[in-house]
Amino acid sequence: MSKELTIALDRYDRHLPLFFGAARLPDGQQYRALEVGMVPPRRDGVARHRRMLIDLEFDAAEVSLCSYIMAKKRGVPLTGIPAFPRRLFSQNHIYVNVNSGIRAPQDLVGKRVGLWAFQVTMSVLAKGDLKSEHGVPWEKIHWVTEAPEEIEWSSQELSIERAPKGRSIAQMVVDGELDGYIYPHPEAAVQSRTDRVRRLFPDSKTESVRYFNKRGYYPIMHLLAVKDERVRERASLPLELMQLWEEAKRQSYDLYHDPGYALLAFSRNEYEAQTSTFGVDPWPSGLAANRKNLEDFMDYMVDQQLLDAPLPMDSLFDRSVLGT
């Protein structure tokens, strides 16, 4: 493969070496890292998941775990790479209106809770965690979504309502039109209005650490996917892209050795605290280190009627990386 490879990624610290070209592919293979996000502004636009999973616009891209699995079942000509650029704890992303009467997870039953979309990976994770960790059936919550689903899917039997056109679910929870709000990238309208909105878990960090210690993983949000045609041209590409991301991550970790690297005054102290809590690297690549996380997530998808049954793991990833 001689043509330049396009890789669509969001602007995270672990991707800086890719945007700068500091991490390299072997044999002089050239790539161009495009800054494509889900929330504007981004240098190369937004709507990355749709542009990759539906339009097949890039050679490789960071995509939603849930939408990728759904697209893969429908035969999208992409293959997964077990490198996971985005991870989040659901416990840190569930908000409630201060006047909703919600004090504990069980109080969500019967309430109206906003989501970007039902199949967004954070939405699936939070619904699954509420049910499995706190005994709160997602079926007993009324869900209000803001955006269309990325992958078409029938939800006629579920309690899902679309927010009024032009209405932001973030503003709706601030105004009290919604009782709760689950979002992977909480909007400023929620984060800044502490007089109107608070996190469901007052100490969400402690709750997230408890979850990590019980489950043994930092939950996956996104994975890398590459076009099948590019793999046919270069069979070693999936493994090389996984190694490329690992090298970018290693270089990004190195930047935190400088106490003055980040805008956060105590960023080095936070890095040391994270290492003490989660170990040297809570962002492992490879299938073996992430199998339980992936299996748990697909169980959530089945329970939430997004899948009929879990897909075999070797159907999601290129065969060259199955032993990683």
C-alpha atoms as a PDB file:
ATOM      1  CA  MET A   1       0.000   0.000   0.000  1.00  0.00           C
ATOM      2  CA  SER A   2       1.682   3.190  -1.166  1.00  0.00           C
ATOM      3  CA  LYS A   3      -1.102   5.776  -0.854  1.00  0.00           C
ATOM      4  CA  GLU A   4      -1.319   7.942   2.248  1.00  0.00           C
ATOM      5  CA  LEU A   5      -3.539   6.419   4.931  1.00  0.00           C
ATOM      6  CA  THR A   6      -6.188   8.674   6.498  1.00  0.00           C
ATOM      7  CA  ILE A   7      -6.951   8.153  10.198  1.00  0.00           C
ATOM      8  CA  ALA A   8      -9.829  10.120  11.768  1.00  0.00           C
ATOM      9  CA  LEU A   9      -9.367  10.802  15.492  1.00  0.00           C
ATOM     10  CA  ASP A  10     -10.542  13.208  18.154  1.00  0.00           C
ATOM     11  CA  ARG A  11      -8.156  15.672  19.817  1.00  0.00           C
ATOM     12  CA  TYR A  12      -7.135  13.770  22.940  1.00  0.00           C
ATOM     13  CA  ASP A  13      -3.714  14.033  24.594  1.00  0.00           C
ATOM     14  CA  ARG A  14      -2.893  10.449  23.522  1.00  0.00           C
ATOM     15  CA  HIS A  15      -3.362  11.475  19.891  1.00  0.00           C
ATOM     16  CA  LEU A  16      -0.989  14.444  19.897  1.00  0.00           C
ATOM     17  CA  PRO A  17       1.954  12.313  18.661  1.00  0.00           C
ATOM     18  CA  LEU A  18      -0.247  11.171  15.752  1.00  0.00           C
ATOM     19  CA  PHE A  19      -1.238  14.711  14.794  1.00  0.00           C
ATOM     20  CA  PHE A  20       2.424  15.780  15.027  1.00  0.00           C
ATOM     21  CA  GLY A  21       3.681  12.738  13.093  1.00  0.00           C
ATOM     22  CA  ALA A  22       5.931  11.744  16.006  1.00  0.00           C
ATOM     23  CA  ALA A  23       4.673   8.135  15.979  1.00  0.00           C
ATOM     24  CA  ARG A  24       5.389   6.265  12.752  1.00  0.00           C
ATOM     25  CA  LEU A  25       4.196   3.284  10.762  1.00  0.00           C
ATOM     26  CA  PRO A  26       6.837   0.809   9.504  1.00  0.00           C
ATOM     27  CA  ASP A  27       8.357   0.749   6.020  1.00  0.00           C
ATOM     28  CA  GLY A  28       7.824   4.451   5.526  1.00  0.00           C
ATOM     29  CA  GLN A  29       4.053   4.023   5.195  1.00  0.00           C
ATOM     30  CA  GLN A  30       2.576   7.512   5.334  1.00  0.00           C
ATOM     31  CA  TYR A  31      -0.542   8.468   7.235  1.00  0.00           C
ATOM     32  CA  ARG A  32      -2.480  11.665   7.854  1.00  0.00           C
ATOM     33  CA  ALA A  33      -4.240  12.088  11.183  1.00  0.00           C
ATOM     34  CA  LEU A  34      -7.476  14.034  10.716  1.00  0.00           C
ATOM     35  CA  GLU A  35      -9.013  15.839  13.682  1.00  0.00           C
ATOM     36  CA  VAL A  36     -12.624  14.725  13.377  1.00  0.00           C
ATOM     37  CA  GLY A  37     -14.760  14.852  16.498  1.00  0.00           C
ATOM     38  CA  MET A  38     -18.360  14.477  17.541  1.00  0.00           C
ATOM     39  CA  VAL A  39     -18.654  17.948  19.107  1.00  0.00           C
ATOM     40  CA  PRO A  40     -17.626  21.112  17.189  1.00  0.00           C
ATOM     41  CA  PRO A  41     -15.363  22.824  16.545  1.00  0.00           C
ATOM     42  CA  ARG A  42     -12.830  20.408  15.076  1.00  0.00           C
ATOM     43  CA  ARG A  43     -10.254  21.125  12.368  1.00  0.00           C
ATOM     44  CA  ASP A  44     -11.563  18.446   9.997  1.00  0.00           C
ATOM     45  CA  GLY A  45     -15.221  18.488  10.976  1.00  0.00           C
ATOM     46  CA  VAL A  46     -17.501  16.398  13.147  1.00  0.00           C
ATOM     47  CA  ALA A  47     -19.894  13.391  12.824  1.00  0.00           C
ATOM     48  CA  ARG A  48     -16.929  10.988  12.746  1.00  0.00           C
ATOM     49  CA  HIS A  49     -18.961   7.866  13.569  1.00  0.00           C
ATOM     50  CA  ARG A  50     -21.403   8.392  10.713  1.00  0.00           C
ATOM     51  CA  ARG A  51     -18.671   9.408   8.290  1.00  0.00           C
ATOM     52  CA  MET A  52     -16.822   6.152   8.983  1.00  0.00           C
ATOM     53  CA  LEU A  53     -19.554   3.607   9.766  1.00  0.00           C
ATOM     54  CA  ILE A  54     -22.030   4.772   7.104  1.00  0.00           C
ATOM     55  CA  ASP A  55     -20.080   6.793   4.538  1.00  0.00           C
ATOM     56  CA  LEU A  56     -16.754   4.857   4.799  1.00  0.00           C
ATOM     57  CA  GLU A  57     -14.972   8.176   4.296  1.00  0.00           C
ATOM     58  CA  PHE A  58     -11.654   7.348   6.027  1.00  0.00           C
ATOM     59  CA  ASP A  59      -9.173   4.490   5.759  1.00  0.00           C
ATOM     60  CA  ALA A  60      -9.221   4.085   9.551  1.00  0.00           C
ATOM     61  CA  ALA A  61     -11.012   5.855  12.368  1.00  0.00           C
ATOM     62  CA  GLU A  62     -11.922   5.926  16.026  1.00  0.00           C
ATOM     63  CA  VAL A  63     -15.551   4.774  16.256  1.00  0.00           C
ATOM     64  CA  SER A  64     -18.243   4.126  18.863  1.00  0.00           C
ATOM     65  CA  LEU A  65     -18.019   0.600  20.292  1.00  0.00           C
ATOM     66  CA  CYS A  66     -21.793   0.066  20.276  1.00  0.00           C
ATOM     67  CA  SER A  67     -22.419   1.483  16.803  1.00  0.00           C
ATOM     68  CA  TYR A  68     -19.454  -0.460  15.405  1.00  0.00           C
ATOM     69  CA  ILE A  69     -20.839  -3.747  16.753  1.00  0.00           C
ATOM     70  CA  MET A  70     -24.267  -2.976  15.295  1.00  0.00           C
ATOM     71  CA  ALA A  71     -22.761  -1.960  11.953  1.00  0.00           C
ATOM     72  CA  LYS A  72     -20.551  -5.051  11.892  1.00  0.00           C
ATOM     73  CA  LYS A  73     -23.578  -7.297  12.331  1.00  0.00           C
ATOM     74  CA  ARG A  74     -25.070  -5.583   9.287  1.00  0.00           C
ATOM     75  CA  GLY A  75     -21.995  -6.360   7.196  1.00  0.00           C
ATOM     76  CA  VAL A  76     -20.129  -3.056   7.132  1.00  0.00           C
ATOM     77  CA  PRO A  77     -16.775  -3.651   5.325  1.00  0.00           C
ATOM     78  CA  LEU A  78     -14.658  -2.638   8.316  1.00  0.00           C
ATOM     79  CA  THR A  79     -12.576  -4.634  10.754  1.00  0.00           C
ATOM     80  CA  GLY A  80     -11.807  -3.817  14.350  1.00  0.00           C
ATOM     81  CA  ILE A  81      -8.431  -3.205  15.949  1.00  0.00           C
ATOM     82  CA  PRO A  82      -8.115  -3.761  19.739  1.00  0.00           C
ATOM     83  CA  ALA A  83      -6.816  -0.267  20.464  1.00  0.00           C
ATOM     84  CA  PHE A  84      -9.307   1.788  22.456  1.00  0.00           C
ATOM     85  CA  PRO A  85      -8.819   5.585  22.258  1.00  0.00           C
ATOM     86  CA  ARG A  86     -11.669   6.610  24.567  1.00  0.00           C
ATOM     87  CA  ARG A  87     -12.731   5.161  27.924  1.00  0.00           C
ATOM     88  CA  LEU A  88     -15.109   6.587  30.526  1.00  0.00           C
ATOM     89  CA  PHE A  89     -16.818   5.549  33.761  1.00  0.00           C
ATOM     90  CA  SER A  90     -20.596   5.846  33.592  1.00  0.00           C
ATOM     91  CA  GLN A  91     -20.697   6.830  37.279  1.00  0.00           C
ATOM     92  CA  ASN A  92     -19.087  10.147  36.355  1.00  0.00           C
ATOM     93  CA  HIS A  93     -21.588  10.945  33.593  1.00  0.00           C
ATOM     94  CA  ILE A  94     -25.018  10.628  35.207  1.00  0.00           C
ATOM     95  CA  TYR A  95     -26.560  13.956  36.262  1.00  0.00           C
ATOM     96  CA  VAL A  96     -29.873  14.817  37.935  1.00  0.00           C
ATOM     97  CA  ASN A  97     -31.875  17.991  38.423  1.00  0.00           C
ATOM     98  CA  VAL A  98     -31.550  19.157  42.038  1.00  0.00           C
ATOM     99  CA  ASN A  99     -35.347  19.387  42.379  1.00  0.00           C
ATOM    100  CA  SER A 100     -36.067  15.953  40.895  1.00  0.00           C
ATOM    101  CA  GLY A 101     -36.215  14.179  44.256  1.00  0.00           C
ATOM    102  CA  ILE A 102     -33.471  11.800  43.098  1.00  0.00           C
ATOM    103  CA  ARG A 103     -31.030  11.015  45.887  1.00  0.00           C
ATOM    104  CA  ALA A 104     -29.960   7.469  44.962  1.00  0.00           C
ATOM    105  CA  PRO A 105     -29.902   5.348  41.769  1.00  0.00           C
ATOM    106  CA  GLN A 106     -33.156   3.602  42.770  1.00  0.00           C
ATOM    107  CA  ASP A 107     -34.941   6.978  42.617  1.00  0.00           C
ATOM    108  CA  LEU A 108     -34.492   7.015  38.828  1.00  0.00           C
ATOM    109  CA  VAL A 109     -37.310   4.486  38.434  1.00  0.00           C
ATOM    110  CA  GLY A 110     -40.257   6.167  36.734  1.00  0.00           C
ATOM    111  CA  LYS A 111     -38.247   9.308  35.920  1.00  0.00           C
ATOM    112  CA  ARG A 112     -37.522  11.004  32.580  1.00  0.00           C
ATOM    113  CA  VAL A 113     -33.838  10.829  31.682  1.00  0.00           C
ATOM    114  CA  GLY A 114     -32.177  12.404  28.647  1.00  0.00           C
ATOM    115  CA  LEU A 115     -29.674  10.678  26.342  1.00  0.00           C
ATOM    116  CA  TRP A 116     -27.967  11.805  23.147  1.00  0.00           C
ATOM    117  CA  ALA A 117     -29.242   8.535  21.637  1.00  0.00           C
ATOM    118  CA  PHE A 118     -30.234   5.145  23.014  1.00  0.00           C
ATOM    119  CA  GLN A 119     -27.354   3.276  21.323  1.00  0.00           C
ATOM    120  CA  VAL A 120     -24.576   5.728  22.203  1.00  0.00           C
ATOM    121  CA  THR A 121     -21.907   3.675  23.988  1.00  0.00           C
ATOM    122  CA  MET A 122     -22.148   5.735  27.181  1.00  0.00           C
ATOM    123  CA  SER A 123     -25.934   5.342  27.140  1.00  0.00           C
ATOM    124  CA  VAL A 124     -25.631   1.553  26.871  1.00  0.00           C
ATOM    125  CA  LEU A 125     -22.943   1.396  29.551  1.00  0.00           C
ATOM    126  CA  ALA A 126     -24.863   3.584  32.014  1.00  0.00           C
ATOM    127  CA  LYS A 127     -28.137   1.692  31.515  1.00  0.00           C
ATOM    128  CA  GLY A 128     -26.322  -1.598  31.978  1.00  0.00           C
ATOM    129  CA  ASP A 129     -24.375  -0.422  35.025  1.00  0.00           C
ATOM    130  CA  LEU A 130     -27.497   0.965  36.706  1.00  0.00           C
ATOM    131  CA  LYS A 131     -29.208  -2.397  36.267  1.00  0.00           C
ATOM    132  CA  SER A 132     -26.328  -4.730  37.119  1.00  0.00           C
ATOM    133  CA  GLU A 133     -24.645  -2.664  39.848  1.00  0.00           C
ATOM    134  CA  HIS A 134     -27.597  -0.916  41.490  1.00  0.00           C
ATOM    135  CA  GLY A 135     -30.663  -3.021  40.665  1.00  0.00           C
ATOM    136  CA  VAL A 136     -32.283  -0.210  38.659  1.00  0.00           C
ATOM    137  CA  PRO A 137     -34.006  -1.705  35.582  1.00  0.00           C
ATOM    138  CA  TRP A 138     -33.449   0.537  32.584  1.00  0.00           C
ATOM    139  CA  GLU A 139     -36.875  -0.641  31.366  1.00  0.00           C
ATOM    140  CA  LYS A 140     -38.507   1.321  34.224  1.00  0.00           C
ATOM    141  CA  ILE A 141     -36.994   4.651  33.181  1.00  0.00           C
ATOM    142  CA  HIS A 142     -38.540   6.852  30.468  1.00  0.00           C
ATOM    143  CA  TRP A 143     -35.789   7.789  28.007  1.00  0.00           C
ATOM    144  CA  VAL A 144     -35.744  11.028  26.013  1.00  0.00           C
ATOM    145  CA  THR A 145     -33.223  11.218  23.149  1.00  0.00           C
ATOM    146  CA  GLU A 146     -31.904  14.256  21.315  1.00  0.00           C
ATOM    147  CA  ALA A 147     -30.450  12.779  18.125  1.00  0.00           C
ATOM    148  CA  PRO A 148     -31.272  10.046  15.610  1.00  0.00           C
ATOM    149  CA  GLU A 149     -29.669   6.656  16.188  1.00  0.00           C
ATOM    150  CA  GLU A 150     -26.377   6.216  14.325  1.00  0.00           C
ATOM    151  CA  ILE A 151     -27.324   2.750  13.054  1.00  0.00           C
ATOM    152  CA  GLU A 152     -30.963   2.136  12.111  1.00  0.00           C
ATOM    153  CA  TRP A 153     -32.733  -0.087  14.611  1.00  0.00           C
ATOM    154  CA  SER A 154     -36.314  -0.666  15.708  1.00  0.00           C
ATOM    155  CA  SER A 155     -37.240   0.619  19.168  1.00  0.00           C
ATOM    156  CA  GLN A 156     -41.029   0.547  18.915  1.00  0.00           C
ATOM    157  CA  GLU A 157     -41.533  -1.566  22.036  1.00  0.00           C
ATOM    158  CA  LEU A 158     -39.259   0.558  24.244  1.00  0.00           C
ATOM    159  CA  SER A 159     -40.090   3.676  26.252  1.00  0.00           C
ATOM    160  CA  ILE A 160     -38.100   6.136  24.131  1.00  0.00           C
ATOM    161  CA  GLU A 161     -39.259   9.647  23.222  1.00  0.00           C
ATOM    162  CA  ARG A 162     -37.516  12.199  20.985  1.00  0.00           C
ATOM    163  CA  ALA A 163     -36.946  15.609  22.512  1.00  0.00           C
ATOM    164  CA  PRO A 164     -38.823  18.466  20.803  1.00  0.00           C
ATOM    165  CA  LYS A 165     -37.035  19.696  17.692  1.00  0.00           C
ATOM    166  CA  GLY A 166     -34.444  22.321  18.536  1.00  0.00           C
ATOM    167  CA  ARG A 167     -34.470  21.495  22.261  1.00  0.00           C
ATOM    168  CA  SER A 168     -31.240  20.507  23.978  1.00  0.00           C
ATOM    169  CA  ILE A 169     -31.560  17.752  26.582  1.00  0.00           C
ATOM    170  CA  ALA A 170     -28.858  19.569  28.571  1.00  0.00           C
ATOM    171  CA  GLN A 171     -31.061  22.661  28.834  1.00  0.00           C
ATOM    172  CA  MET A 172     -34.113  20.487  29.498  1.00  0.00           C
ATOM    173  CA  VAL A 173     -32.501  18.976  32.601  1.00  0.00           C
ATOM    174  CA  VAL A 174     -31.370  22.416  33.778  1.00  0.00           C
ATOM    175  CA  ASP A 175     -34.950  23.688  33.346  1.00  0.00           C
ATOM    176  CA  GLY A 176     -36.426  20.667  35.131  1.00  0.00           C
ATOM    177  CA  GLU A 177     -38.183  19.272  32.044  1.00  0.00           C
ATOM    178  CA  LEU A 178     -36.029  16.175  32.508  1.00  0.00           C
ATOM    179  CA  ASP A 179     -35.134  14.561  35.823  1.00  0.00           C
ATOM    180  CA  GLY A 180     -31.791  13.166  34.704  1.00  0.00           C
ATOM    181  CA  TYR A 181     -29.146  13.374  31.990  1.00  0.00           C
ATOM    182  CA  ILE A 182     -26.522  10.871  30.775  1.00  0.00           C
ATOM    183  CA  TYR A 183     -23.980  12.154  28.291  1.00  0.00           C
ATOM    184  CA  PRO A 184     -20.404  11.217  27.276  1.00  0.00           C
ATOM    185  CA  HIS A 185     -19.389  14.879  26.797  1.00  0.00           C
ATOM    186  CA  PRO A 186     -21.588  16.872  29.206  1.00  0.00           C
ATOM    187  CA  GLU A 187     -22.460  20.291  27.844  1.00  0.00           C
ATOM    188  CA  ALA A 188     -21.471  23.524  29.578  1.00  0.00           C
ATOM    189  CA  ALA A 189     -25.142  24.165  30.334  1.00  0.00           C
ATOM    190  CA  VAL A 190     -24.988  21.185  32.713  1.00  0.00           C
ATOM    191  CA  GLN A 191     -21.429  21.441  34.007  1.00  0.00           C
ATOM    192  CA  SER A 192     -21.712  25.129  34.892  1.00  0.00           C
ATOM    193  CA  ARG A 193     -25.164  25.062  36.492  1.00  0.00           C
ATOM    194  CA  THR A 194     -24.321  23.450  39.814  1.00  0.00           C
ATOM    195  CA  ASP A 195     -27.247  25.358  41.301  1.00  0.00           C
ATOM    196  CA  ARG A 196     -29.612  23.356  39.069  1.00  0.00           C
ATOM    197  CA  VAL A 197     -27.856  20.085  38.236  1.00  0.00           C
ATOM    198  CA  ARG A 198     -25.566  17.724  40.146  1.00  0.00           C
ATOM    199  CA  ARG A 199     -24.054  14.309  39.613  1.00  0.00           C
ATOM    200  CA  LEU A 200     -26.132  11.327  40.724  1.00  0.00           C
ATOM    201  CA  PHE A 201     -23.139  10.047  42.692  1.00  0.00           C
ATOM    202  CA  PRO A 202     -21.825  12.906  44.887  1.00  0.00           C
ATOM    203  CA  ASP A 203     -18.413  11.218  45.047  1.00  0.00           C
ATOM    204  CA  SER A 204     -18.358   9.846  41.512  1.00  0.00           C
ATOM    205  CA  LYS A 205     -14.597   9.271  41.618  1.00  0.00           C
ATOM    206  CA  THR A 206     -14.843   6.892  44.585  1.00  0.00           C
ATOM    207  CA  GLU A 207     -17.776   5.114  42.917  1.00  0.00           C
ATOM    208  CA  SER A 208     -15.764   4.759  39.695  1.00  0.00           C
ATOM    209  CA  VAL A 209     -12.752   3.341  41.560  1.00  0.00           C
ATOM    210  CA  ARG A 210     -15.043   0.833  43.302  1.00  0.00           C
ATOM    211  CA  TYR A 211     -16.345  -0.230  39.892  1.00  0.00           C
ATOM    212  CA  PHE A 212     -12.801  -0.585  38.526  1.00  0.00           C
ATOM    213  CA  ASN A 213     -11.723  -2.724  41.477  1.00  0.00           C
ATOM    214  CA  LYS A 214     -14.760  -4.964  41.059  1.00  0.00           C
ATOM    215  CA  ARG A 215     -14.778  -5.283  37.272  1.00  0.00           C
ATOM    216  CA  GLY A 216     -11.053  -5.001  36.625  1.00  0.00           C
ATOM    217  CA  TYR A 217     -11.309  -2.553  33.734  1.00  0.00           C
ATOM    218  CA  TYR A 218     -11.762   1.077  32.721  1.00  0.00           C
ATOM    219  CA  PRO A 219     -14.782   0.853  30.364  1.00  0.00           C
ATOM    220  CA  ILE A 220     -14.221   1.124  26.625  1.00  0.00           C
ATOM    221  CA  MET A 221     -16.084   3.773  24.648  1.00  0.00           C
ATOM    222  CA  HIS A 222     -14.319   3.692  21.268  1.00  0.00           C
ATOM    223  CA  LEU A 223     -12.114   1.373  19.228  1.00  0.00           C
ATOM    224  CA  LEU A 224     -10.128   1.770  16.037  1.00  0.00           C
ATOM    225  CA  ALA A 225     -11.590   0.340  12.836  1.00  0.00           C
ATOM    226  CA  VAL A 226     -10.002   0.053   9.400  1.00  0.00           C
ATOM    227  CA  LYS A 227     -11.463  -0.554   5.953  1.00  0.00           C
ATOM    228  CA  ASP A 228     -11.371  -4.156   4.781  1.00  0.00           C
ATOM    229  CA  GLU A 229      -9.927  -3.074   1.424  1.00  0.00           C
ATOM    230  CA  ARG A 230      -6.899  -1.529   3.144  1.00  0.00           C
ATOM    231  CA  VAL A 231      -6.300  -4.780   5.038  1.00  0.00           C
ATOM    232  CA  ARG A 232      -6.471  -6.733   1.773  1.00  0.00           C
ATOM    233  CA  GLU A 233      -3.754  -4.440   0.422  1.00  0.00           C
ATOM    234  CA  ARG A 234      -1.562  -4.814   3.545  1.00  0.00           C
ATOM    235  CA  ALA A 235      -2.375  -7.774   5.788  1.00  0.00           C
ATOM    236  CA  SER A 236      -0.097  -6.486   8.560  1.00  0.00           C
ATOM    237  CA  LEU A 237      -1.945  -3.141   8.816  1.00  0.00           C
ATOM    238  CA  PRO A 238      -4.289  -3.941  11.755  1.00  0.00           C
ATOM    239  CA  LEU A 239      -1.417  -4.984  14.006  1.00  0.00           C
ATOM    240  CA  GLU A 240       0.688  -2.036  12.824  1.00  0.00           C
ATOM    241  CA  LEU A 241      -2.117   0.429  13.615  1.00  0.00           C
ATOM    242  CA  MET A 242      -2.508  -1.074  17.084  1.00  0.00           C
ATOM    243  CA  GLN A 243       1.238  -0.668  17.642  1.00  0.00           C
ATOM    244  CA  LEU A 244       1.081   2.890  16.257  1.00  0.00           C
ATOM    245  CA  TRP A 245      -1.590   3.822  18.796  1.00  0.00           C
ATOM    246  CA  GLU A 246       0.402   2.182  21.587  1.00  0.00           C
ATOM    247  CA  GLU A 247       3.467   4.216  20.630  1.00  0.00           C
ATOM    248  CA  ALA A 248       1.423   7.436  20.608  1.00  0.00           C
ATOM    249  CA  LYS A 249       0.064   6.565  24.048  1.00  0.00           C
ATOM    250  CA  ARG A 250       3.583   5.867  25.371  1.00  0.00           C
ATOM    251  CA  GLN A 251       4.801   9.243  24.115  1.00  0.00           C
ATOM    252  CA  SER A 252       1.751  10.937  25.658  1.00  0.00           C
ATOM    253  CA  TYR A 253       2.441   9.388  29.047  1.00  0.00           C
ATOM    254  CA  ASP A 254       6.031  10.654  28.809  1.00  0.00           C
ATOM    255  CA  LEU A 255       4.769  14.239  28.540  1.00  0.00           C
ATOM    256  CA  TYR A 256       3.342  14.010  32.070  1.00  0.00           C
ATOM    257  CA  HIS A 257       6.829  13.598  33.501  1.00  0.00           C
ATOM    258  CA  ASP A 258       7.055  17.385  33.133  1.00  0.00           C
ATOM    259  CA  PRO A 259       5.099  18.914  36.077  1.00  0.00           C
ATOM    260  CA  GLY A 260       4.459  21.994  33.928  1.00  0.00           C
ATOM    261  CA  TYR A 261       3.151  20.150  30.860  1.00  0.00           C
ATOM    262  CA  ALA A 262      -0.584  20.707  31.410  1.00  0.00           C
ATOM    263  CA  LEU A 263      -2.765  23.685  32.312  1.00  0.00           C
ATOM    264  CA  LEU A 264      -3.654  21.808  35.509  1.00  0.00           C
ATOM    265  CA  ALA A 265      -1.273  22.942  38.247  1.00  0.00           C
ATOM    266  CA  PHE A 266      -0.961  19.489  39.805  1.00  0.00           C
ATOM    267  CA  SER A 267      -1.179  17.335  36.686  1.00  0.00           C
ATOM    268  CA  ARG A 268       1.949  15.335  37.632  1.00  0.00           C
ATOM    269  CA  ASN A 269       0.484  14.660  41.086  1.00  0.00           C
ATOM    270  CA  GLU A 270      -2.753  13.467  39.466  1.00  0.00           C
ATOM    271  CA  TYR A 271      -0.768  11.199  37.149  1.00  0.00           C
ATOM    272  CA  GLU A 272       0.988   9.658  40.160  1.00  0.00           C
ATOM    273  CA  ALA A 273      -2.337   9.252  41.990  1.00  0.00           C
ATOM    274  CA  GLN A 274      -3.876   7.520  38.970  1.00  0.00           C
ATOM    275  CA  THR A 275      -0.930   5.128  38.729  1.00  0.00           C
ATOM    276  CA  SER A 276      -1.353   4.274  42.390  1.00  0.00           C
ATOM    277  CA  THR A 277      -5.096   3.648  41.949  1.00  0.00           C
ATOM    278  CA  PHE A 278      -5.335   1.991  38.538  1.00  0.00           C
ATOM    279  CA  GLY A 279      -1.838   0.662  37.910  1.00  0.00           C
ATOM    280  CA  VAL A 280       0.709   1.708  35.329  1.00  0.00           C
ATOM    281  CA  ASP A 281      -1.691   1.634  32.365  1.00  0.00           C
ATOM    282  CA  PRO A 282      -5.503   1.396  32.580  1.00  0.00           C
ATOM    283  CA  TRP A 283      -5.595   1.819  28.758  1.00  0.00           C
ATOM    284  CA  PRO A 284      -4.305  -1.579  27.563  1.00  0.00           C
ATOM    285  CA  SER A 285      -4.535  -2.596  23.927  1.00  0.00           C
ATOM    286  CA  GLY A 286      -4.964  -6.169  22.745  1.00  0.00           C
ATOM    287  CA  LEU A 287      -7.850  -8.600  22.928  1.00  0.00           C
ATOM    288  CA  ALA A 288      -6.856 -10.630  25.993  1.00  0.00           C
ATOM    289  CA  ALA A 289      -6.683  -7.608  28.307  1.00  0.00           C
ATOM    290  CA  ASN A 290     -10.074  -6.323  27.105  1.00  0.00           C
ATOM    291  CA  ARG A 291     -12.091  -9.484  26.528  1.00  0.00           C
ATOM    292  CA  LYS A 292     -14.129  -9.282  29.751  1.00  0.00           C
ATOM    293  CA  ASN A 293     -14.978  -5.626  29.130  1.00  0.00           C
ATOM    294  CA  LEU A 294     -16.150  -6.430  25.587  1.00  0.00           C
ATOM    295  CA  GLU A 295     -18.140  -9.468  26.685  1.00  0.00           C
ATOM    296  CA  ASP A 296     -19.878  -7.528  29.472  1.00  0.00           C
ATOM    297  CA  PHE A 297     -20.737  -4.744  27.044  1.00  0.00           C
ATOM    298  CA  MET A 298     -22.253  -7.089  24.471  1.00  0.00           C
ATOM    299  CA  ASP A 299     -24.340  -8.653  27.249  1.00  0.00           C
ATOM    300  CA  TYR A 300     -25.647  -5.144  27.960  1.00  0.00           C
ATOM    301  CA  MET A 301     -26.485  -4.703  24.256  1.00  0.00           C
ATOM    302  CA  VAL A 302     -28.437  -7.971  24.217  1.00  0.00           C
ATOM    303  CA  ASP A 303     -30.362  -7.014  27.356  1.00  0.00           C
ATOM    304  CA  GLN A 304     -31.192  -3.612  25.819  1.00  0.00           C
ATOM    305  CA  GLN A 305     -32.476  -5.252  22.603  1.00  0.00           C
ATOM    306  CA  LEU A 306     -29.695  -3.847  20.430  1.00  0.00           C
ATOM    307  CA  LEU A 307     -28.427  -7.360  19.626  1.00  0.00           C
ATOM    308  CA  ASP A 308     -30.215 -10.710  19.469  1.00  0.00           C
ATOM    309  CA  ALA A 309     -27.130 -12.447  20.858  1.00  0.00           C
ATOM    310  CA  PRO A 310     -23.479 -11.546  21.515  1.00  0.00           C
ATOM    311  CA  LEU A 311     -21.329 -11.619  18.389  1.00  0.00           C
ATOM    312  CA  PRO A 312     -18.309 -13.953  18.398  1.00  0.00           C
ATOM    313  CA  MET A 313     -15.219 -11.976  19.327  1.00  0.00           C
ATOM    314  CA  ASP A 314     -13.327 -13.163  16.241  1.00  0.00           C
ATOM    315  CA  SER A 315     -16.044 -11.636  14.041  1.00  0.00           C
ATOM    316  CA  LEU A 316     -15.317  -8.138  15.395  1.00  0.00           C
ATOM    317  CA  PHE A 317     -11.536  -8.031  14.959  1.00  0.00           C
ATOM    318  CA  ASP A 318      -9.077  -8.846  12.216  1.00  0.00           C
ATOM    319  CA  ARG A 319      -7.639 -12.348  12.528  1.00  0.00           C
ATOM    320  CA  SER A 320      -4.110 -10.943  12.746  1.00  0.00           C
ATOM    321  CA  VAL A 321      -4.874  -9.400  16.156  1.00  0.00           C
ATOM    322  CA  LEU A 322      -6.903 -12.208  17.734  1.00  0.00           C
ATOM    323  CA  GLY A 323      -3.849 -13.455  19.637  1.00  0.00           C
ATOM    324  CA  THR A 324      -2.999 -10.089  21.172  1.00  0.00           C
END
